[in-house]
Amino acid sequence: MLTIASRVDVMNRLGRAMADPTRSRILLTLLEQPAYPAELARDLELTRSNVSNHLACLRDCGIVVAVPEGRQTRYEIADPHLARSLSSLVEITLAVNENASCLEPDCSVPGCHATEVQA
């Protein structure tokens, strides 16, 4: 069971992972598909050492995992549930507009505009 202290630790690790623009770009890329550091460096126009440092941080935060493949290492989001949650977080954050109606007509989230309209 997660305690408040462990939940705070998880939130801090997640916040640290997403607080840096380069790490966020790497995460968004890895949400699309797994990648090798050299690919990430090329596609994001970064140095390999920069990518490696950020991947180490994301690994330490528990967000990504390194999958050895012979002499190379592929990186991917640590768990499909985490990938889905991160994708949802991005989508929901982009969709939030205080004057917009909820994207889910049957939403049961307290405080949601769709819930208030139905009430």
PDB file of N, CA and C in Angstrom:
ATOM      1  N   MET A   1       0.840  -1.187   0.000  1.00  0.00           N
ATOM      2  CA  MET A   1       0.000   0.000   0.000  1.00  0.00           C
ATOM      3  C   MET A   1       0.886   1.253   0.000  1.00  0.00           C
ATOM      4  N   LEU A   2       0.556   2.189  -0.853  1.00  0.00           N
ATOM      5  CA  LEU A   2       1.321   3.424  -0.922  1.00  0.00           C
ATOM      6  C   LEU A   2       0.940   4.359   0.216  1.00  0.00           C
ATOM      7  N   THR A   3       1.922   4.876   0.909  1.00  0.00           N
ATOM      8  CA  THR A   3       1.687   5.870   1.939  1.00  0.00           C
ATOM      9  C   THR A   3       1.743   7.246   1.297  1.00  0.00           C
ATOM     10  N   ILE A   4       1.380   8.258   2.073  1.00  0.00           N
ATOM     11  CA  ILE A   4       1.474   9.635   1.566  1.00  0.00           C
ATOM     12  C   ILE A   4       2.916   9.942   1.170  1.00  0.00           C
ATOM     13  N   ALA A   5       3.877   9.522   2.001  1.00  0.00           N
ATOM     14  CA  ALA A   5       5.288   9.794   1.697  1.00  0.00           C
ATOM     15  C   ALA A   5       5.701   9.134   0.393  1.00  0.00           C
ATOM     16  N   SER A   6       5.278   7.893   0.166  1.00  0.00           N
ATOM     17  CA  SER A   6       5.662   7.224  -1.076  1.00  0.00           C
ATOM     18  C   SER A   6       4.927   7.831  -2.270  1.00  0.00           C
ATOM     19  N   ARG A   7       3.709   8.288  -2.080  1.00  0.00           N
ATOM     20  CA  ARG A   7       2.984   8.960  -3.161  1.00  0.00           C
ATOM     21  C   ARG A   7       3.655  10.283  -3.519  1.00  0.00           C
ATOM     22  N   VAL A   8       4.106  10.997  -2.520  1.00  0.00           N
ATOM     23  CA  VAL A   8       4.825  12.253  -2.765  1.00  0.00           C
ATOM     24  C   VAL A   8       6.110  11.959  -3.523  1.00  0.00           C
ATOM     25  N   ASP A   9       6.806  10.892  -3.145  1.00  0.00           N
ATOM     26  CA  ASP A   9       8.027  10.499  -3.848  1.00  0.00           C
ATOM     27  C   ASP A   9       7.733  10.206  -5.315  1.00  0.00           C
ATOM     28  N   VAL A  10       6.663   9.496  -5.572  1.00  0.00           N
ATOM     29  CA  VAL A  10       6.277   9.181  -6.953  1.00  0.00           C
ATOM     30  C   VAL A  10       5.974  10.466  -7.723  1.00  0.00           C
ATOM     31  N   MET A  11       5.222  11.374  -7.111  1.00  0.00           N
ATOM     32  CA  MET A  11       4.894  12.643  -7.773  1.00  0.00           C
ATOM     33  C   MET A  11       6.157  13.451  -8.052  1.00  0.00           C
ATOM     34  N   ASN A  12       7.089  13.460  -7.104  1.00  0.00           N
ATOM     35  CA  ASN A  12       8.341  14.194  -7.300  1.00  0.00           C
ATOM     36  C   ASN A  12       9.155  13.595  -8.438  1.00  0.00           C
ATOM     37  N   ARG A  13       9.219  12.264  -8.513  1.00  0.00           N
ATOM     38  CA  ARG A  13       9.964  11.623  -9.596  1.00  0.00           C
ATOM     39  C   ARG A  13       9.315  11.923 -10.937  1.00  0.00           C
ATOM     40  N   LEU A  14       8.001  11.861 -10.993  1.00  0.00           N
ATOM     41  CA  LEU A  14       7.287  12.152 -12.231  1.00  0.00           C
ATOM     42  C   LEU A  14       7.485  13.608 -12.638  1.00  0.00           C
ATOM     43  N   GLY A  15       7.393  14.504 -11.670  1.00  0.00           N
ATOM     44  CA  GLY A  15       7.602  15.925 -11.945  1.00  0.00           C
ATOM     45  C   GLY A  15       9.011  16.203 -12.432  1.00  0.00           C
ATOM     46  N   ARG A  16       9.991  15.557 -11.800  1.00  0.00           N
ATOM     47  CA  ARG A  16      11.385  15.732 -12.216  1.00  0.00           C
ATOM     48  C   ARG A  16      11.580  15.246 -13.643  1.00  0.00           C
ATOM     49  N   ALA A  17      10.954  14.136 -13.969  1.00  0.00           N
ATOM     50  CA  ALA A  17      11.095  13.574 -15.316  1.00  0.00           C
ATOM     51  C   ALA A  17      10.536  14.517 -16.371  1.00  0.00           C
ATOM     52  N   MET A  18       9.426  15.155 -16.079  1.00  0.00           N
ATOM     53  CA  MET A  18       8.750  15.981 -17.083  1.00  0.00           C
ATOM     54  C   MET A  18       9.122  17.460 -17.014  1.00  0.00           C
ATOM     55  N   ALA A  19       9.884  17.858 -15.986  1.00  0.00           N
ATOM     56  CA  ALA A  19      10.194  19.276 -15.799  1.00  0.00           C
ATOM     57  C   ALA A  19      11.166  19.822 -16.831  1.00  0.00           C
ATOM     58  N   ASP A  20      11.985  18.972 -17.399  1.00  0.00           N
ATOM     59  CA  ASP A  20      12.981  19.419 -18.363  1.00  0.00           C
ATOM     60  C   ASP A  20      12.435  19.289 -19.783  1.00  0.00           C
ATOM     61  N   PRO A  21      12.536  20.331 -20.602  1.00  0.00           N
ATOM     62  CA  PRO A  21      12.005  20.269 -21.966  1.00  0.00           C
ATOM     63  C   PRO A  21      12.617  19.146 -22.809  1.00  0.00           C
ATOM     64  N   THR A  22      13.891  18.885 -22.634  1.00  0.00           N
ATOM     65  CA  THR A  22      14.524  17.812 -23.415  1.00  0.00           C
ATOM     66  C   THR A  22      13.974  16.455 -22.998  1.00  0.00           C
ATOM     67  N   ARG A  23      13.833  16.241 -21.694  1.00  0.00           N
ATOM     68  CA  ARG A  23      13.255  14.969 -21.227  1.00  0.00           C
ATOM     69  C   ARG A  23      11.817  14.822 -21.713  1.00  0.00           C
ATOM     70  N   SER A  24      11.083  15.923 -21.718  1.00  0.00           N
ATOM     71  CA  SER A  24       9.703  15.867 -22.219  1.00  0.00           C
ATOM     72  C   SER A  24       9.673  15.479 -23.695  1.00  0.00           C
ATOM     73  N   ARG A  25      10.583  16.033 -24.476  1.00  0.00           N
ATOM     74  CA  ARG A  25      10.648  15.677 -25.903  1.00  0.00           C
ATOM     75  C   ARG A  25      10.996  14.201 -26.079  1.00  0.00           C
ATOM     76  N   ILE A  26      11.925  13.712 -25.268  1.00  0.00           N
ATOM     77  CA  ILE A  26      12.290  12.295 -25.330  1.00  0.00           C
ATOM     78  C   ILE A  26      11.089  11.431 -24.949  1.00  0.00           C
ATOM     79  N   LEU A  27      10.395  11.813 -23.886  1.00  0.00           N
ATOM     80  CA  LEU A  27       9.212  11.049 -23.469  1.00  0.00           C
ATOM     81  C   LEU A  27       8.145  11.023 -24.554  1.00  0.00           C
ATOM     82  N   LEU A  28       7.880  12.156 -25.161  1.00  0.00           N
ATOM     83  CA  LEU A  28       6.874  12.205 -26.223  1.00  0.00           C
ATOM     84  C   LEU A  28       7.275  11.312 -27.393  1.00  0.00           C
ATOM     85  N   THR A  29       8.550  11.286 -27.697  1.00  0.00           N
ATOM     86  CA  THR A  29       9.035  10.413 -28.771  1.00  0.00           C
ATOM     87  C   THR A  29       8.858   8.950 -28.392  1.00  0.00           C
ATOM     88  N   LEU A  30       9.208   8.608 -27.151  1.00  0.00           N
ATOM     89  CA  LEU A  30       9.089   7.219 -26.703  1.00  0.00           C
ATOM     90  C   LEU A  30       7.633   6.788 -26.537  1.00  0.00           C
ATOM     91  N   LEU A  31       6.737   7.731 -26.349  1.00  0.00           N
ATOM     92  CA  LEU A  31       5.308   7.383 -26.310  1.00  0.00           C
ATOM     93  C   LEU A  31       4.833   6.908 -27.678  1.00  0.00           C
ATOM     94  N   GLU A  32       5.475   7.412 -28.725  1.00  0.00           N
ATOM     95  CA  GLU A  32       5.120   6.986 -30.080  1.00  0.00           C
ATOM     96  C   GLU A  32       5.661   5.599 -30.381  1.00  0.00           C
ATOM     97  N   GLN A  33       6.923   5.348 -29.966  1.00  0.00           N
ATOM     98  CA  GLN A  33       7.539   4.038 -30.196  1.00  0.00           C
ATOM     99  C   GLN A  33       8.881   3.974 -29.474  1.00  0.00           C
ATOM    100  N   PRO A  34       9.345   2.756 -29.140  1.00  0.00           N
ATOM    101  CA  PRO A  34      10.673   2.617 -28.532  1.00  0.00           C
ATOM    102  C   PRO A  34      11.738   3.160 -29.484  1.00  0.00           C
ATOM    103  N   ALA A  35      12.887   3.539 -28.919  1.00  0.00           N
ATOM    104  CA  ALA A  35      13.954   4.111 -29.756  1.00  0.00           C
ATOM    105  C   ALA A  35      15.312   3.845 -29.129  1.00  0.00           C
ATOM    106  N   TYR A  36      16.322   3.941 -29.976  1.00  0.00           N
ATOM    107  CA  TYR A  36      17.716   3.823 -29.554  1.00  0.00           C
ATOM    108  C   TYR A  36      18.252   5.228 -29.303  1.00  0.00           C
ATOM    109  N   PRO A  37      19.224   5.373 -28.400  1.00  0.00           N
ATOM    110  CA  PRO A  37      19.777   6.699 -28.118  1.00  0.00           C
ATOM    111  C   PRO A  37      20.265   7.437 -29.364  1.00  0.00           C
ATOM    112  N   ALA A  38      20.915   6.734 -30.269  1.00  0.00           N
ATOM    113  CA  ALA A  38      21.413   7.389 -31.489  1.00  0.00           C
ATOM    114  C   ALA A  38      20.255   7.945 -32.321  1.00  0.00           C
ATOM    115  N   GLU A  39      19.147   7.208 -32.386  1.00  0.00           N
ATOM    116  CA  GLU A  39      17.964   7.691 -33.120  1.00  0.00           C
ATOM    117  C   GLU A  39      17.395   8.933 -32.445  1.00  0.00           C
ATOM    118  N   LEU A  40      17.294   8.879 -31.115  1.00  0.00           N
ATOM    119  CA  LEU A  40      16.765  10.029 -30.379  1.00  0.00           C
ATOM    120  C   LEU A  40      17.648  11.258 -30.596  1.00  0.00           C
ATOM    121  N   ALA A  41      18.965  11.062 -30.532  1.00  0.00           N
ATOM    122  CA  ALA A  41      19.894  12.179 -30.743  1.00  0.00           C
ATOM    123  C   ALA A  41      19.705  12.773 -32.136  1.00  0.00           C
ATOM    124  N   ARG A  42      19.617  11.908 -33.127  1.00  0.00           N
ATOM    125  CA  ARG A  42      19.461  12.376 -34.508  1.00  0.00           C
ATOM    126  C   ARG A  42      18.119  13.086 -34.691  1.00  0.00           C
ATOM    127  N   ASP A  43      17.041  12.427 -34.291  1.00  0.00           N
ATOM    128  CA  ASP A  43      15.698  12.959 -34.534  1.00  0.00           C
ATOM    129  C   ASP A  43      15.401  14.238 -33.740  1.00  0.00           C
ATOM    130  N   LEU A  44      15.975  14.333 -32.539  1.00  0.00           N
ATOM    131  CA  LEU A  44      15.717  15.503 -31.696  1.00  0.00           C
ATOM    132  C   LEU A  44      16.828  16.549 -31.791  1.00  0.00           C
ATOM    133  N   GLU A  45      17.808  16.269 -32.662  1.00  0.00           N
ATOM    134  CA  GLU A  45      18.940  17.172 -32.876  1.00  0.00           C
ATOM    135  C   GLU A  45      19.655  17.497 -31.568  1.00  0.00           C
ATOM    136  N   LEU A  46      20.044  16.416 -30.857  1.00  0.00           N
ATOM    137  CA  LEU A  46      20.762  16.520 -29.594  1.00  0.00           C
ATOM    138  C   LEU A  46      22.049  15.714 -29.699  1.00  0.00           C
ATOM    139  N   THR A  47      22.952  15.937 -28.770  1.00  0.00           N
ATOM    140  CA  THR A  47      24.158  15.107 -28.753  1.00  0.00           C
ATOM    141  C   THR A  47      23.820  13.776 -28.087  1.00  0.00           C
ATOM    142  N   ARG A  48      24.588  12.752 -28.421  1.00  0.00           N
ATOM    143  CA  ARG A  48      24.359  11.440 -27.812  1.00  0.00           C
ATOM    144  C   ARG A  48      24.572  11.480 -26.307  1.00  0.00           C
ATOM    145  N   SER A  49      25.576  12.243 -25.857  1.00  0.00           N
ATOM    146  CA  SER A  49      25.825  12.304 -24.412  1.00  0.00           C
ATOM    147  C   SER A  49      24.673  13.003 -23.688  1.00  0.00           C
ATOM    148  N   ASN A  50      24.110  14.025 -24.310  1.00  0.00           N
ATOM    149  CA  ASN A  50      22.951  14.711 -23.738  1.00  0.00           C
ATOM    150  C   ASN A  50      21.777  13.747 -23.617  1.00  0.00           C
ATOM    151  N   VAL A  51      21.509  13.009 -24.678  1.00  0.00           N
ATOM    152  CA  VAL A  51      20.416  12.026 -24.666  1.00  0.00           C
ATOM    153  C   VAL A  51      20.672  10.968 -23.601  1.00  0.00           C
ATOM    154  N   SER A  52      21.896  10.481 -23.525  1.00  0.00           N
ATOM    155  CA  SER A  52      22.228   9.450 -22.534  1.00  0.00           C
ATOM    156  C   SER A  52      22.004   9.943 -21.112  1.00  0.00           C
ATOM    157  N   ASN A  53      22.396  11.187 -20.845  1.00  0.00           N
ATOM    158  CA  ASN A  53      22.183  11.755 -19.503  1.00  0.00           C
ATOM    159  C   ASN A  53      20.697  11.853 -19.172  1.00  0.00           C
ATOM    160  N   HIS A  54      19.904  12.294 -20.126  1.00  0.00           N
ATOM    161  CA  HIS A  54      18.466  12.424 -19.888  1.00  0.00           C
ATOM    162  C   HIS A  54      17.794  11.051 -19.762  1.00  0.00           C
ATOM    163  N   LEU A  55      18.239  10.095 -20.556  1.00  0.00           N
ATOM    164  CA  LEU A  55      17.691   8.742 -20.442  1.00  0.00           C
ATOM    165  C   LEU A  55      18.029   8.133 -19.084  1.00  0.00           C
ATOM    166  N   ALA A  56      19.216   8.412 -18.570  1.00  0.00           N
ATOM    167  CA  ALA A  56      19.590   7.919 -17.242  1.00  0.00           C
ATOM    168  C   ALA A  56      18.658   8.506 -16.181  1.00  0.00           C
ATOM    169  N   CYS A  57      18.348   9.776 -16.294  1.00  0.00           N
ATOM    170  CA  CYS A  57      17.421  10.412 -15.358  1.00  0.00           C
ATOM    171  C   CYS A  57      16.040   9.766 -15.451  1.00  0.00           C
ATOM    172  N   LEU A  58      15.551   9.581 -16.677  1.00  0.00           N
ATOM    173  CA  LEU A  58      14.228   8.972 -16.867  1.00  0.00           C
ATOM    174  C   LEU A  58      14.199   7.532 -16.352  1.00  0.00           C
ATOM    175  N   ARG A  59      15.304   6.832 -16.500  1.00  0.00           N
ATOM    176  CA  ARG A  59      15.416   5.471 -15.975  1.00  0.00           C
ATOM    177  C   ARG A  59      15.389   5.504 -14.449  1.00  0.00           C
ATOM    178  N   ASP A  60      16.158   6.408 -13.855  1.00  0.00           N
ATOM    179  CA  ASP A  60      16.201   6.535 -12.400  1.00  0.00           C
ATOM    180  C   ASP A  60      14.842   6.936 -11.831  1.00  0.00           C
ATOM    181  N   CYS A  61      14.085   7.680 -12.603  1.00  0.00           N
ATOM    182  CA  CYS A  61      12.739   8.091 -12.173  1.00  0.00           C
ATOM    183  C   CYS A  61      11.722   6.957 -12.328  1.00  0.00           C
ATOM    184  N   GLY A  62      12.116   5.885 -13.000  1.00  0.00           N
ATOM    185  CA  GLY A  62      11.218   4.753 -13.194  1.00  0.00           C
ATOM    186  C   GLY A  62      10.254   4.924 -14.346  1.00  0.00           C
ATOM    187  N   ILE A  63      10.532   5.869 -15.235  1.00  0.00           N
ATOM    188  CA  ILE A  63       9.627   6.168 -16.337  1.00  0.00           C
ATOM    189  C   ILE A  63       9.968   5.344 -17.580  1.00  0.00           C
ATOM    190  N   VAL A  64      11.252   5.149 -17.842  1.00  0.00           N
ATOM    191  CA  VAL A  64      11.669   4.359 -19.000  1.00  0.00           C
ATOM    192  C   VAL A  64      12.531   3.184 -18.538  1.00  0.00           C
ATOM    193  N   VAL A  65      12.631   2.191 -19.404  1.00  0.00           N
ATOM    194  CA  VAL A  65      13.512   1.051 -19.163  1.00  0.00           C
ATOM    195  C   VAL A  65      14.430   0.879 -20.364  1.00  0.00           C
ATOM    196  N   ALA A  66      15.604   0.331 -20.084  1.00  0.00           N
ATOM    197  CA  ALA A  66      16.578   0.023 -21.123  1.00  0.00           C
ATOM    198  C   ALA A  66      16.450  -1.462 -21.442  1.00  0.00           C
ATOM    199  N   VAL A  67      16.303  -1.776 -22.724  1.00  0.00           N
ATOM    200  CA  VAL A  67      16.166  -3.154 -23.170  1.00  0.00           C
ATOM    201  C   VAL A  67      17.394  -3.498 -24.016  1.00  0.00           C
ATOM    202  N   PRO A  68      18.305  -4.324 -23.474  1.00  0.00           N
ATOM    203  CA  PRO A  68      19.501  -4.674 -24.250  1.00  0.00           C
ATOM    204  C   PRO A  68      19.140  -5.495 -25.485  1.00  0.00           C
ATOM    205  N   GLU A  69      19.763  -5.133 -26.595  1.00  0.00           N
ATOM    206  CA  GLU A  69      19.591  -5.863 -27.852  1.00  0.00           C
ATOM    207  C   GLU A  69      20.964  -6.019 -28.480  1.00  0.00           C
ATOM    208  N   GLY A  70      21.658  -7.094 -28.126  1.00  0.00           N
ATOM    209  CA  GLY A  70      23.014  -7.276 -28.625  1.00  0.00           C
ATOM    210  C   GLY A  70      23.910  -6.184 -28.089  1.00  0.00           C
ATOM    211  N   ARG A  71      24.540  -5.451 -29.000  1.00  0.00           N
ATOM    212  CA  ARG A  71      25.432  -4.363 -28.595  1.00  0.00           C
ATOM    213  C   ARG A  71      24.704  -3.034 -28.430  1.00  0.00           C
ATOM    214  N   GLN A  72      23.424  -3.003 -28.711  1.00  0.00           N
ATOM    215  CA  GLN A  72      22.644  -1.767 -28.595  1.00  0.00           C
ATOM    216  C   GLN A  72      21.663  -1.862 -27.433  1.00  0.00           C
ATOM    217  N   THR A  73      21.144  -0.734 -27.046  1.00  0.00           N
ATOM    218  CA  THR A  73      20.124  -0.673 -26.003  1.00  0.00           C
ATOM    219  C   THR A  73      18.959   0.154 -26.521  1.00  0.00           C
ATOM    220  N   ARG A  74      17.787  -0.452 -26.467  1.00  0.00           N
ATOM    221  CA  ARG A  74      16.558   0.231 -26.892  1.00  0.00           C
ATOM    222  C   ARG A  74      15.879   0.767 -25.638  1.00  0.00           C
ATOM    223  N   TYR A  75      15.295   1.944 -25.724  1.00  0.00           N
ATOM    224  CA  TYR A  75      14.577   2.532 -24.601  1.00  0.00           C
ATOM    225  C   TYR A  75      13.089   2.584 -24.915  1.00  0.00           C
ATOM    226  N   GLU A  76      12.305   2.340 -23.875  1.00  0.00           N
ATOM    227  CA  GLU A  76      10.850   2.389 -24.010  1.00  0.00           C
ATOM    228  C   GLU A  76      10.238   2.790 -22.681  1.00  0.00           C
ATOM    229  N   ILE A  77       8.991   3.200 -22.729  1.00  0.00           N
ATOM    230  CA  ILE A  77       8.270   3.537 -21.504  1.00  0.00           C
ATOM    231  C   ILE A  77       8.182   2.268 -20.663  1.00  0.00           C
ATOM    232  N   ALA A  78       8.375   2.408 -19.365  1.00  0.00           N
ATOM    233  CA  ALA A  78       8.541   1.268 -18.468  1.00  0.00           C
ATOM    234  C   ALA A  78       7.358   0.301 -18.444  1.00  0.00           C
ATOM    235  N   ASP A  79       6.164   0.788 -18.670  1.00  0.00           N
ATOM    236  CA  ASP A  79       4.986  -0.069 -18.558  1.00  0.00           C
ATOM    237  C   ASP A  79       3.893   0.468 -19.486  1.00  0.00           C
ATOM    238  N   PRO A  80       3.138  -0.415 -20.138  1.00  0.00           N
ATOM    239  CA  PRO A  80       2.070   0.064 -21.029  1.00  0.00           C
ATOM    240  C   PRO A  80       1.024   0.920 -20.302  1.00  0.00           C
ATOM    241  N   HIS A  81       0.764   0.621 -19.029  1.00  0.00           N
ATOM    242  CA  HIS A  81      -0.197   1.433 -18.270  1.00  0.00           C
ATOM    243  C   HIS A  81       0.336   2.844 -18.063  1.00  0.00           C
ATOM    244  N   LEU A  82       1.631   2.944 -17.801  1.00  0.00           N
ATOM    245  CA  LEU A  82       2.259   4.249 -17.641  1.00  0.00           C
ATOM    246  C   LEU A  82       2.225   5.021 -18.953  1.00  0.00           C
ATOM    247  N   ALA A  83       2.502   4.346 -20.053  1.00  0.00           N
ATOM    248  CA  ALA A  83       2.446   4.996 -21.370  1.00  0.00           C
ATOM    249  C   ALA A  83       1.044   5.532 -21.636  1.00  0.00           C
ATOM    250  N   ARG A  84       0.055   4.715 -21.353  1.00  0.00           N
ATOM    251  CA  ARG A  84      -1.344   5.142 -21.568  1.00  0.00           C
ATOM    252  C   ARG A  84      -1.687   6.335 -20.682  1.00  0.00           C
ATOM    253  N   SER A  85      -1.248   6.285 -19.427  1.00  0.00           N
ATOM    254  CA  SER A  85      -1.537   7.379 -18.500  1.00  0.00           C
ATOM    255  C   SER A  85      -0.836   8.669 -18.912  1.00  0.00           C
ATOM    256  N   LEU A  86       0.414   8.571 -19.324  1.00  0.00           N
ATOM    257  CA  LEU A  86       1.133   9.767 -19.779  1.00  0.00           C
ATOM    258  C   LEU A  86       0.478  10.359 -21.022  1.00  0.00           C
ATOM    259  N   SER A  87       0.083   9.498 -21.947  1.00  0.00           N
ATOM    260  CA  SER A  87      -0.605   9.974 -23.155  1.00  0.00           C
ATOM    261  C   SER A  87      -1.918  10.652 -22.788  1.00  0.00           C
ATOM    262  N   SER A  88      -2.656  10.051 -21.879  1.00  0.00           N
ATOM    263  CA  SER A  88      -3.928  10.641 -21.438  1.00  0.00           C
ATOM    264  C   SER A  88      -3.706  11.973 -20.746  1.00  0.00           C
ATOM    265  N   LEU A  89      -2.665  12.049 -19.928  1.00  0.00           N
ATOM    266  CA  LEU A  89      -2.359  13.300 -19.239  1.00  0.00           C
ATOM    267  C   LEU A  89      -2.087  14.415 -20.234  1.00  0.00           C
ATOM    268  N   VAL A  90      -1.332  14.121 -21.267  1.00  0.00           N
ATOM    269  CA  VAL A  90      -1.039  15.119 -22.302  1.00  0.00           C
ATOM    270  C   VAL A  90      -2.331  15.519 -23.018  1.00  0.00           C
ATOM    271  N   GLU A  91      -3.128  14.540 -23.422  1.00  0.00           N
ATOM    272  CA  GLU A  91      -4.373  14.830 -24.148  1.00  0.00           C
ATOM    273  C   GLU A  91      -5.345  15.641 -23.308  1.00  0.00           C
ATOM    274  N   ILE A  92      -5.504  15.258 -22.054  1.00  0.00           N
ATOM    275  CA  ILE A  92      -6.444  15.960 -21.179  1.00  0.00           C
ATOM    276  C   ILE A  92      -5.968  17.380 -20.916  1.00  0.00           C
ATOM    277  N   THR A  93      -4.675  17.540 -20.688  1.00  0.00           N
ATOM    278  CA  THR A  93      -4.131  18.872 -20.444  1.00  0.00           C
ATOM    279  C   THR A  93      -4.333  19.771 -21.654  1.00  0.00           C
ATOM    280  N   LEU A  94      -4.147  19.220 -22.846  1.00  0.00           N
ATOM    281  CA  LEU A  94      -4.367  20.001 -24.066  1.00  0.00           C
ATOM    282  C   LEU A  94      -5.842  20.363 -24.241  1.00  0.00           C
ATOM    283  N   ALA A  95      -6.723  19.484 -23.772  1.00  0.00           N
ATOM    284  CA  ALA A  95      -8.154  19.685 -23.981  1.00  0.00           C
ATOM    285  C   ALA A  95      -8.786  20.604 -22.942  1.00  0.00           C
ATOM    286  N   VAL A  96      -8.095  20.826 -21.830  1.00  0.00           N
ATOM    287  CA  VAL A  96      -8.695  21.610 -20.748  1.00  0.00           C
ATOM    288  C   VAL A  96      -8.882  23.056 -21.178  1.00  0.00           C
ATOM    289  N   ASN A  97     -10.111  23.478 -21.070  1.00  0.00           N
ATOM    290  CA  ASN A  97     -10.492  24.856 -21.356  1.00  0.00           C
ATOM    291  C   ASN A  97     -11.713  25.103 -20.491  1.00  0.00           C
ATOM    292  N   GLU A  98     -11.643  26.080 -19.632  1.00  0.00           N
ATOM    293  CA  GLU A  98     -12.732  26.265 -18.669  1.00  0.00           C
ATOM    294  C   GLU A  98     -14.088  26.498 -19.324  1.00  0.00           C
ATOM    295  N   ASN A  99     -14.125  26.928 -20.572  1.00  0.00           N
ATOM    296  CA  ASN A  99     -15.402  27.157 -21.245  1.00  0.00           C
ATOM    297  C   ASN A  99     -15.819  25.994 -22.146  1.00  0.00           C
ATOM    298  N   ALA A 100     -14.947  25.006 -22.278  1.00  0.00           N
ATOM    299  CA  ALA A 100     -15.250  23.873 -23.154  1.00  0.00           C
ATOM    300  C   ALA A 100     -15.983  22.788 -22.371  1.00  0.00           C
ATOM    301  N   SER A 101     -16.865  22.108 -23.066  1.00  0.00           N
ATOM    302  CA  SER A 101     -17.539  20.991 -22.409  1.00  0.00           C
ATOM    303  C   SER A 101     -16.601  19.794 -22.385  1.00  0.00           C
ATOM    304  N   CYS A 102     -16.873  18.878 -21.490  1.00  0.00           N
ATOM    305  CA  CYS A 102     -16.045  17.696 -21.312  1.00  0.00           C
ATOM    306  C   CYS A 102     -16.033  16.858 -22.586  1.00  0.00           C
ATOM    307  N   LEU A 103     -14.908  16.204 -22.845  1.00  0.00           N
ATOM    308  CA  LEU A 103     -14.795  15.337 -24.007  1.00  0.00           C
ATOM    309  C   LEU A 103     -15.577  14.044 -23.826  1.00  0.00           C
ATOM    310  N   GLU A 104     -15.875  13.705 -22.568  1.00  0.00           N
ATOM    311  CA  GLU A 104     -16.610  12.475 -22.274  1.00  0.00           C
ATOM    312  C   GLU A 104     -18.021  12.844 -21.809  1.00  0.00           C
ATOM    313  N   PRO A 105     -19.046  12.568 -22.611  1.00  0.00           N
ATOM    314  CA  PRO A 105     -20.400  12.964 -22.240  1.00  0.00           C
ATOM    315  C   PRO A 105     -20.915  12.291 -20.969  1.00  0.00           C
ATOM    316  N   ASP A 106     -20.425  11.112 -20.646  1.00  0.00           N
ATOM    317  CA  ASP A 106     -20.867  10.400 -19.447  1.00  0.00           C
ATOM    318  C   ASP A 106     -19.871  10.534 -18.305  1.00  0.00           C
ATOM    319  N   CYS A 107     -19.126  11.611 -18.287  1.00  0.00           N
ATOM    320  CA  CYS A 107     -18.078  11.819 -17.297  1.00  0.00           C
ATOM    321  C   CYS A 107     -18.664  11.877 -15.887  1.00  0.00           C
ATOM    322  N   SER A 108     -18.017  11.178 -14.954  1.00  0.00           N
ATOM    323  CA  SER A 108     -18.479  11.180 -13.563  1.00  0.00           C
ATOM    324  C   SER A 108     -17.472  11.840 -12.631  1.00  0.00           C
ATOM    325  N   VAL A 109     -16.528  12.599 -13.195  1.00  0.00           N
ATOM    326  CA  VAL A 109     -15.507  13.259 -12.386  1.00  0.00           C
ATOM    327  C   VAL A 109     -16.124  14.458 -11.676  1.00  0.00           C
ATOM    328  N   PRO A 110     -16.061  14.490 -10.324  1.00  0.00           N
ATOM    329  CA  PRO A 110     -16.611  15.628  -9.591  1.00  0.00           C
ATOM    330  C   PRO A 110     -15.957  16.927 -10.035  1.00  0.00           C
ATOM    331  N   GLY A 111     -16.759  17.962 -10.235  1.00  0.00           N
ATOM    332  CA  GLY A 111     -16.249  19.255 -10.640  1.00  0.00           C
ATOM    333  C   GLY A 111     -16.133  19.435 -12.135  1.00  0.00           C
ATOM    334  N   CYS A 112     -16.366  18.375 -12.895  1.00  0.00           N
ATOM    335  CA  CYS A 112     -16.299  18.457 -14.349  1.00  0.00           C
ATOM    336  C   CYS A 112     -17.496  19.246 -14.864  1.00  0.00           C
ATOM    337  N   HIS A 113     -17.283  20.014 -15.922  1.00  0.00           N
ATOM    338  CA  HIS A 113     -18.371  20.818 -16.490  1.00  0.00           C
ATOM    339  C   HIS A 113     -19.520  19.958 -16.968  1.00  0.00           C
ATOM    340  N   ALA A 114     -19.237  18.789 -17.540  1.00  0.00           N
ATOM    341  CA  ALA A 114     -20.291  17.897 -18.022  1.00  0.00           C
ATOM    342  C   ALA A 114     -21.133  17.427 -16.842  1.00  0.00           C
ATOM    343  N   THR A 115     -20.497  17.162 -15.696  1.00  0.00           N
ATOM    344  CA  THR A 115     -21.211  16.725 -14.503  1.00  0.00           C
ATOM    345  C   THR A 115     -22.111  17.842 -13.998  1.00  0.00           C
ATOM    346  N   GLU A 116     -21.576  19.077 -14.012  1.00  0.00           N
ATOM    347  CA  GLU A 116     -22.357  20.225 -13.542  1.00  0.00           C
ATOM    348  C   GLU A 116     -23.552  20.493 -14.435  1.00  0.00           C
ATOM    349  N   VAL A 117     -23.399  20.320 -15.752  1.00  0.00           N
ATOM    350  CA  VAL A 117     -24.484  20.554 -16.694  1.00  0.00           C
ATOM    351  C   VAL A 117     -25.581  19.521 -16.510  1.00  0.00           C
ATOM    352  N   GLN A 118     -25.176  18.251 -16.253  1.00  0.00           N
ATOM    353  CA  GLN A 118     -26.150  17.175 -16.090  1.00  0.00           C
ATOM    354  C   GLN A 118     -26.925  17.313 -14.799  1.00  0.00           C
ATOM    355  N   ALA A 119     -26.317  17.925 -13.778  1.00  0.00           N
ATOM    356  CA  ALA A 119     -26.938  17.992 -12.457  1.00  0.00           C
ATOM    357  C   ALA A 119     -28.153  18.868 -12.431  1.00  0.00           C
TER     358      ALA A 119
END
